[in-house]
């Protein structure tokens, strides 16, 4: 391939600089981790016996507008923990959408959510 052209949502030719990027939380990964830590809580009625952490893997779609949609549990731990993890990811603020070929696209994230027993 010698050259490639990029088009915007209206079909107009734009600059040929590759601007592809993944969806990102405002403030970057550190801000995302800070949000998760501040929003997660360990359910009081449960106690871990054979360890000190519980991990739930949550999957979600960041749509073309940066909204978090289709939040599901990829790897479950327990329904109570799963619900908390899904709710925290679902309620996060709007993300910067992914861009592919100069167009905003849907992007799938996979997030391990770690609950630490206190």
PDB file of N, CA and C in Angstrom:
ATOM      1  N   UNK A   1       0.843  -1.153   0.000  1.00  0.00           N
ATOM      2  CA  UNK A   1       0.000   0.000   0.000  1.00  0.00           C
ATOM      3  C   UNK A   1       0.905   1.237   0.000  1.00  0.00           C
ATOM      4  N   UNK A   2       0.603   2.160  -0.855  1.00  0.00           N
ATOM      5  CA  UNK A   2       1.403   3.372  -0.979  1.00  0.00           C
ATOM      6  C   UNK A   2       0.776   4.527  -0.214  1.00  0.00           C
ATOM      7  N   UNK A   3      -0.535   4.655  -0.264  1.00  0.00           N
ATOM      8  CA  UNK A   3      -1.213   5.792   0.346  1.00  0.00           C
ATOM      9  C   UNK A   3      -2.600   5.354   0.772  1.00  0.00           C
ATOM     10  N   UNK A   4      -3.160   6.077   1.722  1.00  0.00           N
ATOM     11  CA  UNK A   4      -4.545   5.821   2.112  1.00  0.00           C
ATOM     12  C   UNK A   4      -5.207   7.137   2.422  1.00  0.00           C
ATOM     13  N   UNK A   5      -6.509   7.174   2.218  1.00  0.00           N
ATOM     14  CA  UNK A   5      -7.276   8.376   2.497  1.00  0.00           C
ATOM     15  C   UNK A   5      -8.247   8.106   3.621  1.00  0.00           C
ATOM     16  N   UNK A   6      -8.523   9.140   4.405  1.00  0.00           N
ATOM     17  CA  UNK A   6      -9.482   9.043   5.484  1.00  0.00           C
ATOM     18  C   UNK A   6     -10.652   9.965   5.197  1.00  0.00           C
ATOM     19  N   UNK A   7     -11.837   9.530   5.625  1.00  0.00           N
ATOM     20  CA  UNK A   7     -13.047  10.300   5.416  1.00  0.00           C
ATOM     21  C   UNK A   7     -13.722  10.540   6.756  1.00  0.00           C
ATOM     22  N   UNK A   8     -14.394  11.667   6.903  1.00  0.00           N
ATOM     23  CA  UNK A   8     -15.145  11.934   8.122  1.00  0.00           C
ATOM     24  C   UNK A   8     -16.542  11.338   7.995  1.00  0.00           C
ATOM     25  N   UNK A   9     -17.401  11.581   9.003  1.00  0.00           N
ATOM     26  CA  UNK A   9     -18.742  11.005   9.004  1.00  0.00           C
ATOM     27  C   UNK A   9     -19.613  11.471   7.836  1.00  0.00           C
ATOM     28  N   UNK A  10     -19.295  12.639   7.265  1.00  0.00           N
ATOM     29  CA  UNK A  10     -20.078  13.157   6.146  1.00  0.00           C
ATOM     30  C   UNK A  10     -19.531  12.705   4.788  1.00  0.00           C
ATOM     31  N   UNK A  11     -18.431  11.969   4.784  1.00  0.00           N
ATOM     32  CA  UNK A  11     -17.865  11.463   3.542  1.00  0.00           C
ATOM     33  C   UNK A  11     -16.836  12.384   2.923  1.00  0.00           C
ATOM     34  N   UNK A  12     -16.452  13.440   3.620  1.00  0.00           N
ATOM     35  CA  UNK A  12     -15.447  14.366   3.117  1.00  0.00           C
ATOM     36  C   UNK A  12     -14.049  13.839   3.422  1.00  0.00           C
ATOM     37  N   UNK A  13     -13.130  14.059   2.482  1.00  0.00           N
ATOM     38  CA  UNK A  13     -11.751  13.642   2.684  1.00  0.00           C
ATOM     39  C   UNK A  13     -11.130  14.532   3.761  1.00  0.00           C
ATOM     40  N   UNK A  14     -10.467  13.909   4.732  1.00  0.00           N
ATOM     41  CA  UNK A  14      -9.786  14.651   5.789  1.00  0.00           C
ATOM     42  C   UNK A  14      -8.292  14.390   5.678  1.00  0.00           C
ATOM     43  N   UNK A  15      -7.527  14.926   6.597  1.00  0.00           N
ATOM     44  CA  UNK A  15      -6.080  14.705   6.534  1.00  0.00           C
ATOM     45  C   UNK A  15      -5.773  13.218   6.621  1.00  0.00           C
ATOM     46  N   UNK A  16      -4.605  12.853   6.156  1.00  0.00           N
ATOM     47  CA  UNK A  16      -4.252  11.432   6.070  1.00  0.00           C
ATOM     48  C   UNK A  16      -3.464  10.940   7.269  1.00  0.00           C
ATOM     49  N   UNK A  17      -3.475  11.697   8.357  1.00  0.00           N
ATOM     50  CA  UNK A  17      -2.794  11.265   9.561  1.00  0.00           C
ATOM     51  C   UNK A  17      -3.651  10.197  10.247  1.00  0.00           C
ATOM     52  N   UNK A  18      -3.037   9.097  10.617  1.00  0.00           N
ATOM     53  CA  UNK A  18      -3.764   8.021  11.274  1.00  0.00           C
ATOM     54  C   UNK A  18      -4.086   8.439  12.709  1.00  0.00           C
ATOM     55  N   UNK A  19      -5.363   8.625  13.006  1.00  0.00           N
ATOM     56  CA  UNK A  19      -5.792   9.066  14.325  1.00  0.00           C
ATOM     57  C   UNK A  19      -6.549   7.966  15.078  1.00  0.00           C
ATOM     58  N   UNK A  20      -6.323   6.724  14.694  1.00  0.00           N
ATOM     59  CA  UNK A  20      -7.010   5.624  15.359  1.00  0.00           C
ATOM     60  C   UNK A  20      -6.644   5.613  16.836  1.00  0.00           C
ATOM     61  N   UNK A  21      -7.635   5.342  17.691  1.00  0.00           N
ATOM     62  CA  UNK A  21      -7.389   5.266  19.130  1.00  0.00           C
ATOM     63  C   UNK A  21      -8.477   4.431  19.788  1.00  0.00           C
ATOM     64  N   UNK A  22      -8.113   3.876  20.927  1.00  0.00           N
ATOM     65  CA  UNK A  22      -9.063   3.122  21.737  1.00  0.00           C
ATOM     66  C   UNK A  22      -9.940   4.100  22.505  1.00  0.00           C
ATOM     67  N   UNK A  23     -11.075   3.612  22.990  1.00  0.00           N
ATOM     68  CA  UNK A  23     -11.905   4.425  23.874  1.00  0.00           C
ATOM     69  C   UNK A  23     -11.118   4.666  25.157  1.00  0.00           C
ATOM     70  N   UNK A  24     -11.284   5.859  25.730  1.00  0.00           N
ATOM     71  CA  UNK A  24     -10.541   6.162  26.948  1.00  0.00           C
ATOM     72  C   UNK A  24     -11.406   6.943  27.925  1.00  0.00           C
ATOM     73  N   UNK A  25     -11.183   6.688  29.193  1.00  0.00           N
ATOM     74  CA  UNK A  25     -11.879   7.390  30.256  1.00  0.00           C
ATOM     75  C   UNK A  25     -11.254   8.773  30.401  1.00  0.00           C
ATOM     76  N   UNK A  26     -12.057   9.819  30.625  1.00  0.00           N
ATOM     77  CA  UNK A  26     -11.490  11.161  30.793  1.00  0.00           C
ATOM     78  C   UNK A  26     -10.454  11.183  31.925  1.00  0.00           C
ATOM     79  N   UNK A  27      -9.283  11.667  31.632  1.00  0.00           N
ATOM     80  CA  UNK A  27      -8.217  11.687  32.633  1.00  0.00           C
ATOM     81  C   UNK A  27      -7.279  10.495  32.520  1.00  0.00           C
ATOM     82  N   UNK A  28      -7.607   9.537  31.672  1.00  0.00           N
ATOM     83  CA  UNK A  28      -6.733   8.398  31.431  1.00  0.00           C
ATOM     84  C   UNK A  28      -6.928   7.236  32.389  1.00  0.00           C
ATOM     85  N   UNK A  29      -6.058   6.225  32.279  1.00  0.00           N
ATOM     86  CA  UNK A  29      -6.179   5.011  33.087  1.00  0.00           C
ATOM     87  C   UNK A  29      -6.118   5.253  34.595  1.00  0.00           C
ATOM     88  N   UNK A  30      -5.285   6.194  35.038  1.00  0.00           N
ATOM     89  CA  UNK A  30      -5.196   6.460  36.475  1.00  0.00           C
ATOM     90  C   UNK A  30      -6.511   7.015  37.008  1.00  0.00           C
ATOM     91  N   UNK A  31      -7.142   7.867  36.232  1.00  0.00           N
ATOM     92  CA  UNK A  31      -8.434   8.434  36.628  1.00  0.00           C
ATOM     93  C   UNK A  31      -9.505   7.340  36.679  1.00  0.00           C
ATOM     94  N   UNK A  32      -9.462   6.405  35.726  1.00  0.00           N
ATOM     95  CA  UNK A  32     -10.407   5.282  35.692  1.00  0.00           C
ATOM     96  C   UNK A  32     -10.221   4.402  36.927  1.00  0.00           C
ATOM     97  N   UNK A  33      -8.975   4.086  37.264  1.00  0.00           N
ATOM     98  CA  UNK A  33      -8.716   3.267  38.450  1.00  0.00           C
ATOM     99  C   UNK A  33      -9.155   3.979  39.724  1.00  0.00           C
ATOM    100  N   UNK A  34      -8.919   5.269  39.790  1.00  0.00           N
ATOM    101  CA  UNK A  34      -9.339   6.060  40.951  1.00  0.00           C
ATOM    102  C   UNK A  34     -10.869   6.029  41.083  1.00  0.00           C
ATOM    103  N   UNK A  35     -11.570   6.158  39.952  1.00  0.00           N
ATOM    104  CA  UNK A  35     -13.034   6.083  39.963  1.00  0.00           C
ATOM    105  C   UNK A  35     -13.488   4.728  40.501  1.00  0.00           C
ATOM    106  N   UNK A  36     -12.907   3.650  39.992  1.00  0.00           N
ATOM    107  CA  UNK A  36     -13.307   2.307  40.441  1.00  0.00           C
ATOM    108  C   UNK A  36     -13.065   2.132  41.938  1.00  0.00           C
ATOM    109  N   UNK A  37     -11.898   2.536  42.408  1.00  0.00           N
ATOM    110  CA  UNK A  37     -11.566   2.392  43.829  1.00  0.00           C
ATOM    111  C   UNK A  37     -12.538   3.190  44.702  1.00  0.00           C
ATOM    112  N   UNK A  38     -12.869   4.402  44.268  1.00  0.00           N
ATOM    113  CA  UNK A  38     -13.773   5.250  45.059  1.00  0.00           C
ATOM    114  C   UNK A  38     -15.218   4.767  45.063  1.00  0.00           C
ATOM    115  N   UNK A  39     -15.632   4.083  44.012  1.00  0.00           N
ATOM    116  CA  UNK A  39     -17.029   3.671  43.897  1.00  0.00           C
ATOM    117  C   UNK A  39     -17.305   2.254  44.410  1.00  0.00           C
ATOM    118  N   UNK A  40     -16.307   1.401  44.393  1.00  0.00           N
ATOM    119  CA  UNK A  40     -16.513   0.010  44.818  1.00  0.00           C
ATOM    120  C   UNK A  40     -16.595  -0.098  46.334  1.00  0.00           C
ATOM    121  N   UNK A  41     -17.378  -1.040  46.772  1.00  0.00           N
ATOM    122  CA  UNK A  41     -17.464  -1.327  48.202  1.00  0.00           C
ATOM    123  C   UNK A  41     -17.647  -2.832  48.371  1.00  0.00           C
ATOM    124  N   UNK A  42     -17.188  -3.340  49.485  1.00  0.00           N
ATOM    125  CA  UNK A  42     -17.290  -4.761  49.803  1.00  0.00           C
ATOM    126  C   UNK A  42     -18.602  -4.968  50.554  1.00  0.00           C
ATOM    127  N   UNK A  43     -19.492  -5.848  50.072  1.00  0.00           N
ATOM    128  CA  UNK A  43     -20.768  -6.067  50.767  1.00  0.00           C
ATOM    129  C   UNK A  43     -20.537  -6.552  52.203  1.00  0.00           C
ATOM    130  N   UNK A  44     -21.139  -5.878  53.160  1.00  0.00           N
ATOM    131  CA  UNK A  44     -20.920  -6.180  54.583  1.00  0.00           C
ATOM    132  C   UNK A  44     -21.354  -7.583  54.996  1.00  0.00           C
ATOM    133  N   UNK A  45     -22.372  -8.092  54.327  1.00  0.00           N
ATOM    134  CA  UNK A  45     -22.912  -9.384  54.749  1.00  0.00           C
ATOM    135  C   UNK A  45     -22.075 -10.579  54.282  1.00  0.00           C
ATOM    136  N   UNK A  46     -20.965 -10.312  53.568  1.00  0.00           N
ATOM    137  CA  UNK A  46     -20.127 -11.397  53.069  1.00  0.00           C
ATOM    138  C   UNK A  46     -18.725 -11.296  53.653  1.00  0.00           C
ATOM    139  N   UNK A  47     -18.095 -12.464  53.773  1.00  0.00           N
ATOM    140  CA  UNK A  47     -16.721 -12.529  54.254  1.00  0.00           C
ATOM    141  C   UNK A  47     -15.992 -13.579  53.429  1.00  0.00           C
ATOM    142  N   UNK A  48     -14.815 -13.237  52.960  1.00  0.00           N
ATOM    143  CA  UNK A  48     -14.007 -14.192  52.205  1.00  0.00           C
ATOM    144  C   UNK A  48     -13.236 -15.068  53.182  1.00  0.00           C
ATOM    145  N   UNK A  49     -13.238 -16.371  52.919  1.00  0.00           N
ATOM    146  CA  UNK A  49     -12.589 -17.309  53.821  1.00  0.00           C
ATOM    147  C   UNK A  49     -11.239 -17.767  53.271  1.00  0.00           C
ATOM    148  N   UNK A  50     -11.180 -18.101  52.003  1.00  0.00           N
ATOM    149  CA  UNK A  50      -9.956 -18.666  51.421  1.00  0.00           C
ATOM    150  C   UNK A  50      -9.151 -17.645  50.617  1.00  0.00           C
ATOM    151  N   UNK A  51      -9.188 -16.400  50.995  1.00  0.00           N
ATOM    152  CA  UNK A  51      -8.440 -15.362  50.288  1.00  0.00           C
ATOM    153  C   UNK A  51      -8.862 -13.993  50.774  1.00  0.00           C
ATOM    154  N   UNK A  52      -8.237 -12.971  50.191  1.00  0.00           N
ATOM    155  CA  UNK A  52      -8.574 -11.618  50.619  1.00  0.00           C
ATOM    156  C   UNK A  52      -9.107 -10.755  49.482  1.00  0.00           C
ATOM    157  N   UNK A  53      -9.271 -11.330  48.280  1.00  0.00           N
ATOM    158  CA  UNK A  53      -9.777 -10.590  47.129  1.00  0.00           C
ATOM    159  C   UNK A  53     -10.842 -11.384  46.398  1.00  0.00           C
ATOM    160  N   UNK A  54     -11.769 -10.645  45.831  1.00  0.00           N
ATOM    161  CA  UNK A  54     -12.764 -11.228  44.934  1.00  0.00           C
ATOM    162  C   UNK A  54     -12.659 -10.461  43.619  1.00  0.00           C
ATOM    163  N   UNK A  55     -12.639 -11.174  42.499  1.00  0.00           N
ATOM    164  CA  UNK A  55     -12.493 -10.520  41.197  1.00  0.00           C
ATOM    165  C   UNK A  55     -13.685 -10.871  40.313  1.00  0.00           C
ATOM    166  N   UNK A  56     -14.290  -9.834  39.758  1.00  0.00           N
ATOM    167  CA  UNK A  56     -15.378  -9.978  38.790  1.00  0.00           C
ATOM    168  C   UNK A  56     -14.896  -9.319  37.504  1.00  0.00           C
ATOM    169  N   UNK A  57     -14.980 -10.007  36.380  1.00  0.00           N
ATOM    170  CA  UNK A  57     -14.590  -9.420  35.104  1.00  0.00           C
ATOM    171  C   UNK A  57     -15.854  -8.906  34.418  1.00  0.00           C
ATOM    172  N   UNK A  58     -15.845  -7.604  34.142  1.00  0.00           N
ATOM    173  CA  UNK A  58     -16.994  -6.938  33.532  1.00  0.00           C
ATOM    174  C   UNK A  58     -16.636  -6.562  32.101  1.00  0.00           C
ATOM    175  N   UNK A  59     -17.586  -6.786  31.198  1.00  0.00           N
ATOM    176  CA  UNK A  59     -17.414  -6.385  29.803  1.00  0.00           C
ATOM    177  C   UNK A  59     -18.455  -5.329  29.484  1.00  0.00           C
ATOM    178  N   UNK A  60     -18.073  -4.339  28.664  1.00  0.00           N
ATOM    179  CA  UNK A  60     -19.003  -3.272  28.303  1.00  0.00           C
ATOM    180  C   UNK A  60     -18.643  -2.735  26.926  1.00  0.00           C
ATOM    181  N   UNK A  61     -19.596  -2.053  26.341  1.00  0.00           N
ATOM    182  CA  UNK A  61     -19.391  -1.391  25.057  1.00  0.00           C
ATOM    183  C   UNK A  61     -19.389   0.115  25.298  1.00  0.00           C
ATOM    184  N   UNK A  62     -18.398   0.789  24.744  1.00  0.00           N
ATOM    185  CA  UNK A  62     -18.382   2.245  24.714  1.00  0.00           C
ATOM    186  C   UNK A  62     -18.872   2.608  23.314  1.00  0.00           C
ATOM    187  N   UNK A  63     -20.052   3.249  23.235  1.00  0.00           N
ATOM    188  CA  UNK A  63     -20.624   3.519  21.917  1.00  0.00           C
ATOM    189  C   UNK A  63     -19.952   4.709  21.231  1.00  0.00           C
ATOM    190  N   UNK A  64     -20.471   5.066  20.058  1.00  0.00           N
ATOM    191  CA  UNK A  64     -19.880   6.120  19.244  1.00  0.00           C
ATOM    192  C   UNK A  64     -19.929   7.486  19.918  1.00  0.00           C
ATOM    193  N   UNK A  65     -20.794   7.647  20.894  1.00  0.00           N
ATOM    194  CA  UNK A  65     -20.905   8.916  21.609  1.00  0.00           C
ATOM    195  C   UNK A  65     -20.138   8.894  22.933  1.00  0.00           C
ATOM    196  N   UNK A  66     -19.557   7.746  23.290  1.00  0.00           N
ATOM    197  CA  UNK A  66     -18.801   7.622  24.522  1.00  0.00           C
ATOM    198  C   UNK A  66     -19.624   7.132  25.702  1.00  0.00           C
ATOM    199  N   UNK A  67     -20.861   6.720  25.455  1.00  0.00           N
ATOM    200  CA  UNK A  67     -21.711   6.219  26.534  1.00  0.00           C
ATOM    201  C   UNK A  67     -21.414   4.739  26.793  1.00  0.00           C
ATOM    202  N   UNK A  68     -21.483   4.356  28.059  1.00  0.00           N
ATOM    203  CA  UNK A  68     -21.251   2.966  28.447  1.00  0.00           C
ATOM    204  C   UNK A  68     -22.560   2.197  28.277  1.00  0.00           C
ATOM    205  N   UNK A  69     -22.530   1.138  27.463  1.00  0.00           N
ATOM    206  CA  UNK A  69     -23.733   0.349  27.193  1.00  0.00           C
ATOM    207  C   UNK A  69     -23.403  -1.143  27.292  1.00  0.00           C
ATOM    208  N   UNK A  70     -24.438  -1.943  27.288  1.00  0.00           N
ATOM    209  CA  UNK A  70     -24.303  -3.413  27.235  1.00  0.00           C
ATOM    210  C   UNK A  70     -23.304  -3.949  28.259  1.00  0.00           C
ATOM    211  N   UNK A  71     -23.455  -3.538  29.506  1.00  0.00           N
ATOM    212  CA  UNK A  71     -22.543  -3.976  30.564  1.00  0.00           C
ATOM    213  C   UNK A  71     -22.967  -5.366  31.027  1.00  0.00           C
ATOM    214  N   UNK A  72     -22.046  -6.318  30.959  1.00  0.00           N
ATOM    215  CA  UNK A  72     -22.327  -7.692  31.352  1.00  0.00           C
ATOM    216  C   UNK A  72     -21.166  -8.243  32.173  1.00  0.00           C
ATOM    217  N   UNK A  73     -21.426  -9.345  32.847  1.00  0.00           N
ATOM    218  CA  UNK A  73     -20.386 -10.030  33.615  1.00  0.00           C
ATOM    219  C   UNK A  73     -19.749 -11.080  32.718  1.00  0.00           C
ATOM    220  N   UNK A  74     -18.433 -10.976  32.541  1.00  0.00           N
ATOM    221  CA  UNK A  74     -17.694 -11.961  31.752  1.00  0.00           C
ATOM    222  C   UNK A  74     -17.289 -13.146  32.611  1.00  0.00           C
ATOM    223  N   UNK A  75     -16.781 -12.864  33.809  1.00  0.00           N
ATOM    224  CA  UNK A  75     -16.411 -13.893  34.772  1.00  0.00           C
ATOM    225  C   UNK A  75     -17.042 -13.521  36.104  1.00  0.00           C
ATOM    226  N   UNK A  76     -17.913 -14.372  36.571  1.00  0.00           N
ATOM    227  CA  UNK A  76     -18.680 -14.103  37.788  1.00  0.00           C
ATOM    228  C   UNK A  76     -17.939 -14.575  39.031  1.00  0.00           C
ATOM    229  N   UNK A  77     -18.238 -13.927  40.155  1.00  0.00           N
ATOM    230  CA  UNK A  77     -17.746 -14.385  41.451  1.00  0.00           C
ATOM    231  C   UNK A  77     -18.930 -14.794  42.316  1.00  0.00           C
ATOM    232  N   UNK A  78     -19.865 -13.897  42.518  1.00  0.00           N
ATOM    233  CA  UNK A  78     -21.072 -14.127  43.301  1.00  0.00           C
ATOM    234  C   UNK A  78     -22.064 -13.054  42.844  1.00  0.00           C
ATOM    235  N   UNK A  79     -23.360 -13.365  42.771  1.00  0.00           N
ATOM    236  CA  UNK A  79     -24.335 -12.376  42.265  1.00  0.00           C
ATOM    237  C   UNK A  79     -24.273 -11.007  42.950  1.00  0.00           C
ATOM    238  N   UNK A  80     -24.034 -10.955  44.247  1.00  0.00           N
ATOM    239  CA  UNK A  80     -23.979  -9.663  44.946  1.00  0.00           C
ATOM    240  C   UNK A  80     -22.787  -8.832  44.466  1.00  0.00           C
ATOM    241  N   UNK A  81     -21.638  -9.471  44.311  1.00  0.00           N
ATOM    242  CA  UNK A  81     -20.446  -8.782  43.836  1.00  0.00           C
ATOM    243  C   UNK A  81     -20.599  -8.412  42.355  1.00  0.00           C
ATOM    244  N   UNK A  82     -21.187  -9.324  41.577  1.00  0.00           N
ATOM    245  CA  UNK A  82     -21.405  -9.062  40.153  1.00  0.00           C
ATOM    246  C   UNK A  82     -22.250  -7.809  39.955  1.00  0.00           C
ATOM    247  N   UNK A  83     -23.326  -7.678  40.733  1.00  0.00           N
ATOM    248  CA  UNK A  83     -24.228  -6.533  40.603  1.00  0.00           C
ATOM    249  C   UNK A  83     -23.509  -5.229  40.924  1.00  0.00           C
ATOM    250  N   UNK A  84     -22.724  -5.218  41.980  1.00  0.00           N
ATOM    251  CA  UNK A  84     -21.979  -4.010  42.359  1.00  0.00           C
ATOM    252  C   UNK A  84     -21.015  -3.621  41.231  1.00  0.00           C
ATOM    253  N   UNK A  85     -20.278  -4.596  40.714  1.00  0.00           N
ATOM    254  CA  UNK A  85     -19.298  -4.318  39.656  1.00  0.00           C
ATOM    255  C   UNK A  85     -19.983  -3.779  38.402  1.00  0.00           C
ATOM    256  N   UNK A  86     -21.079  -4.401  37.990  1.00  0.00           N
ATOM    257  CA  UNK A  86     -21.815  -3.951  36.799  1.00  0.00           C
ATOM    258  C   UNK A  86     -22.354  -2.539  37.006  1.00  0.00           C
ATOM    259  N   UNK A  87     -22.930  -2.280  38.179  1.00  0.00           N
ATOM    260  CA  UNK A  87     -23.485  -0.951  38.458  1.00  0.00           C
ATOM    261  C   UNK A  87     -22.411   0.129  38.423  1.00  0.00           C
ATOM    262  N   UNK A  88     -21.243  -0.142  38.979  1.00  0.00           N
ATOM    263  CA  UNK A  88     -20.162   0.852  39.006  1.00  0.00           C
ATOM    264  C   UNK A  88     -19.699   1.176  37.584  1.00  0.00           C
ATOM    265  N   UNK A  89     -19.508   0.154  36.757  1.00  0.00           N
ATOM    266  CA  UNK A  89     -19.074   0.396  35.377  1.00  0.00           C
ATOM    267  C   UNK A  89     -20.176   1.113  34.599  1.00  0.00           C
ATOM    268  N   UNK A  90     -21.413   0.686  34.765  1.00  0.00           N
ATOM    269  CA  UNK A  90     -22.536   1.288  34.038  1.00  0.00           C
ATOM    270  C   UNK A  90     -22.717   2.766  34.373  1.00  0.00           C
ATOM    271  N   UNK A  91     -22.472   3.144  35.624  1.00  0.00           N
ATOM    272  CA  UNK A  91     -22.705   4.519  36.068  1.00  0.00           C
ATOM    273  C   UNK A  91     -21.514   5.446  35.832  1.00  0.00           C
ATOM    274  N   UNK A  92     -20.461   4.939  35.210  1.00  0.00           N
ATOM    275  CA  UNK A  92     -19.301   5.802  34.969  1.00  0.00           C
ATOM    276  C   UNK A  92     -19.680   6.909  33.994  1.00  0.00           C
ATOM    277  N   UNK A  93     -18.933   7.993  34.072  1.00  0.00           N
ATOM    278  CA  UNK A  93     -19.227   9.125  33.200  1.00  0.00           C
ATOM    279  C   UNK A  93     -18.889   8.811  31.754  1.00  0.00           C
ATOM    280  N   UNK A  94     -19.229   9.707  30.873  1.00  0.00           N
ATOM    281  CA  UNK A  94     -19.022   9.503  29.447  1.00  0.00           C
ATOM    282  C   UNK A  94     -17.541   9.407  29.112  1.00  0.00           C
ATOM    283  N   UNK A  95     -17.195   8.467  28.238  1.00  0.00           N
ATOM    284  CA  UNK A  95     -15.831   8.224  27.807  1.00  0.00           C
ATOM    285  C   UNK A  95     -15.546   8.984  26.513  1.00  0.00           C
ATOM    286  N   UNK A  96     -14.262   9.043  26.157  1.00  0.00           N
ATOM    287  CA  UNK A  96     -13.871   9.502  24.830  1.00  0.00           C
ATOM    288  C   UNK A  96     -14.029   8.299  23.911  1.00  0.00           C
ATOM    289  N   UNK A  97     -14.854   8.396  22.866  1.00  0.00           N
ATOM    290  CA  UNK A  97     -15.090   7.217  22.020  1.00  0.00           C
ATOM    291  C   UNK A  97     -13.846   6.803  21.230  1.00  0.00           C
ATOM    292  N   UNK A  98     -13.846   5.549  20.832  1.00  0.00           N
ATOM    293  CA  UNK A  98     -12.769   5.029  19.990  1.00  0.00           C
ATOM    294  C   UNK A  98     -12.909   5.618  18.592  1.00  0.00           C
ATOM    295  N   UNK A  99     -11.778   5.746  17.913  1.00  0.00           N
ATOM    296  CA  UNK A  99     -11.772   6.266  16.552  1.00  0.00           C
ATOM    297  C   UNK A  99     -11.015   5.277  15.678  1.00  0.00           C
ATOM    298  N   UNK A 100     -11.644   4.936  14.554  1.00  0.00           N
ATOM    299  CA  UNK A 100     -11.008   4.041  13.598  1.00  0.00           C
ATOM    300  C   UNK A 100     -11.261   4.609  12.207  1.00  0.00           C
ATOM    301  N   UNK A 101     -10.216   4.831  11.459  1.00  0.00           N
ATOM    302  CA  UNK A 101     -10.306   5.438  10.123  1.00  0.00           C
ATOM    303  C   UNK A 101     -11.046   6.769  10.170  1.00  0.00           C
ATOM    304  N   UNK A 102     -10.721   7.582  11.184  1.00  0.00           N
ATOM    305  CA  UNK A 102     -11.302   8.913  11.399  1.00  0.00           C
ATOM    306  C   UNK A 102     -12.808   8.897  11.666  1.00  0.00           C
ATOM    307  N   UNK A 103     -13.346   7.770  12.085  1.00  0.00           N
ATOM    308  CA  UNK A 103     -14.770   7.677  12.446  1.00  0.00           C
ATOM    309  C   UNK A 103     -14.896   7.127  13.850  1.00  0.00           C
ATOM    310  N   UNK A 104     -15.837   7.669  14.578  1.00  0.00           N
ATOM    311  CA  UNK A 104     -16.101   7.167  15.925  1.00  0.00           C
ATOM    312  C   UNK A 104     -16.767   5.804  15.797  1.00  0.00           C
ATOM    313  N   UNK A 105     -16.279   4.841  16.573  1.00  0.00           N
ATOM    314  CA  UNK A 105     -16.793   3.471  16.488  1.00  0.00           C
ATOM    315  C   UNK A 105     -17.066   2.922  17.883  1.00  0.00           C
ATOM    316  N   UNK A 106     -17.868   1.862  17.925  1.00  0.00           N
ATOM    317  CA  UNK A 106     -18.116   1.155  19.182  1.00  0.00           C
ATOM    318  C   UNK A 106     -16.839   0.428  19.583  1.00  0.00           C
ATOM    319  N   UNK A 107     -16.627   0.312  20.904  1.00  0.00           N
ATOM    320  CA  UNK A 107     -15.404  -0.304  21.404  1.00  0.00           C
ATOM    321  C   UNK A 107     -15.744  -1.137  22.627  1.00  0.00           C
ATOM    322  N   UNK A 108     -15.245  -2.355  22.667  1.00  0.00           N
ATOM    323  CA  UNK A 108     -15.508  -3.253  23.792  1.00  0.00           C
ATOM    324  C   UNK A 108     -14.370  -3.151  24.804  1.00  0.00           C
ATOM    325  N   UNK A 109     -14.740  -2.965  26.069  1.00  0.00           N
ATOM    326  CA  UNK A 109     -13.740  -2.989  27.139  1.00  0.00           C
ATOM    327  C   UNK A 109     -13.970  -4.221  28.003  1.00  0.00           C
ATOM    328  N   UNK A 110     -12.907  -4.738  28.557  1.00  0.00           N
ATOM    329  CA  UNK A 110     -12.963  -5.834  29.522  1.00  0.00           C
ATOM    330  C   UNK A 110     -12.221  -5.351  30.752  1.00  0.00           C
ATOM    331  N   UNK A 111     -12.942  -5.271  31.881  1.00  0.00           N
ATOM    332  CA  UNK A 111     -12.370  -4.686  33.091  1.00  0.00           C
ATOM    333  C   UNK A 111     -12.454  -5.661  34.263  1.00  0.00           C
ATOM    334  N   UNK A 112     -11.312  -6.125  34.780  1.00  0.00           N
ATOM    335  CA  UNK A 112     -11.356  -6.897  36.028  1.00  0.00           C
ATOM    336  C   UNK A 112     -11.651  -5.917  37.183  1.00  0.00           C
ATOM    337  N   UNK A 113     -12.634  -6.247  37.983  1.00  0.00           N
ATOM    338  CA  UNK A 113     -13.006  -5.415  39.134  1.00  0.00           C
ATOM    339  C   UNK A 113     -12.616  -6.204  40.380  1.00  0.00           C
ATOM    340  N   UNK A 114     -11.732  -5.613  41.174  1.00  0.00           N
ATOM    341  CA  UNK A 114     -11.175  -6.301  42.342  1.00  0.00           C
ATOM    342  C   UNK A 114     -11.805  -5.748  43.615  1.00  0.00           C
ATOM    343  N   UNK A 115     -12.391  -6.661  44.404  1.00  0.00           N
ATOM    344  CA  UNK A 115     -12.951  -6.307  45.708  1.00  0.00           C
ATOM    345  C   UNK A 115     -11.965  -6.780  46.759  1.00  0.00           C
ATOM    346  N   UNK A 116     -11.505  -5.863  47.586  1.00  0.00           N
ATOM    347  CA  UNK A 116     -10.608  -6.215  48.677  1.00  0.00           C
ATOM    348  C   UNK A 116     -11.355  -6.263  49.995  1.00  0.00           C
ATOM    349  N   UNK A 117     -11.192  -7.334  50.736  1.00  0.00           N
ATOM    350  CA  UNK A 117     -11.855  -7.465  52.034  1.00  0.00           C
ATOM    351  C   UNK A 117     -11.146  -6.597  53.055  1.00  0.00           C
ATOM    352  N   UNK A 118     -11.912  -5.895  53.849  1.00  0.00           N
ATOM    353  CA  UNK A 118     -11.315  -4.983  54.820  1.00  0.00           C
ATOM    354  C   UNK A 118     -11.330  -5.546  56.207  1.00  0.00           C
TER     355      UNK A 118
END
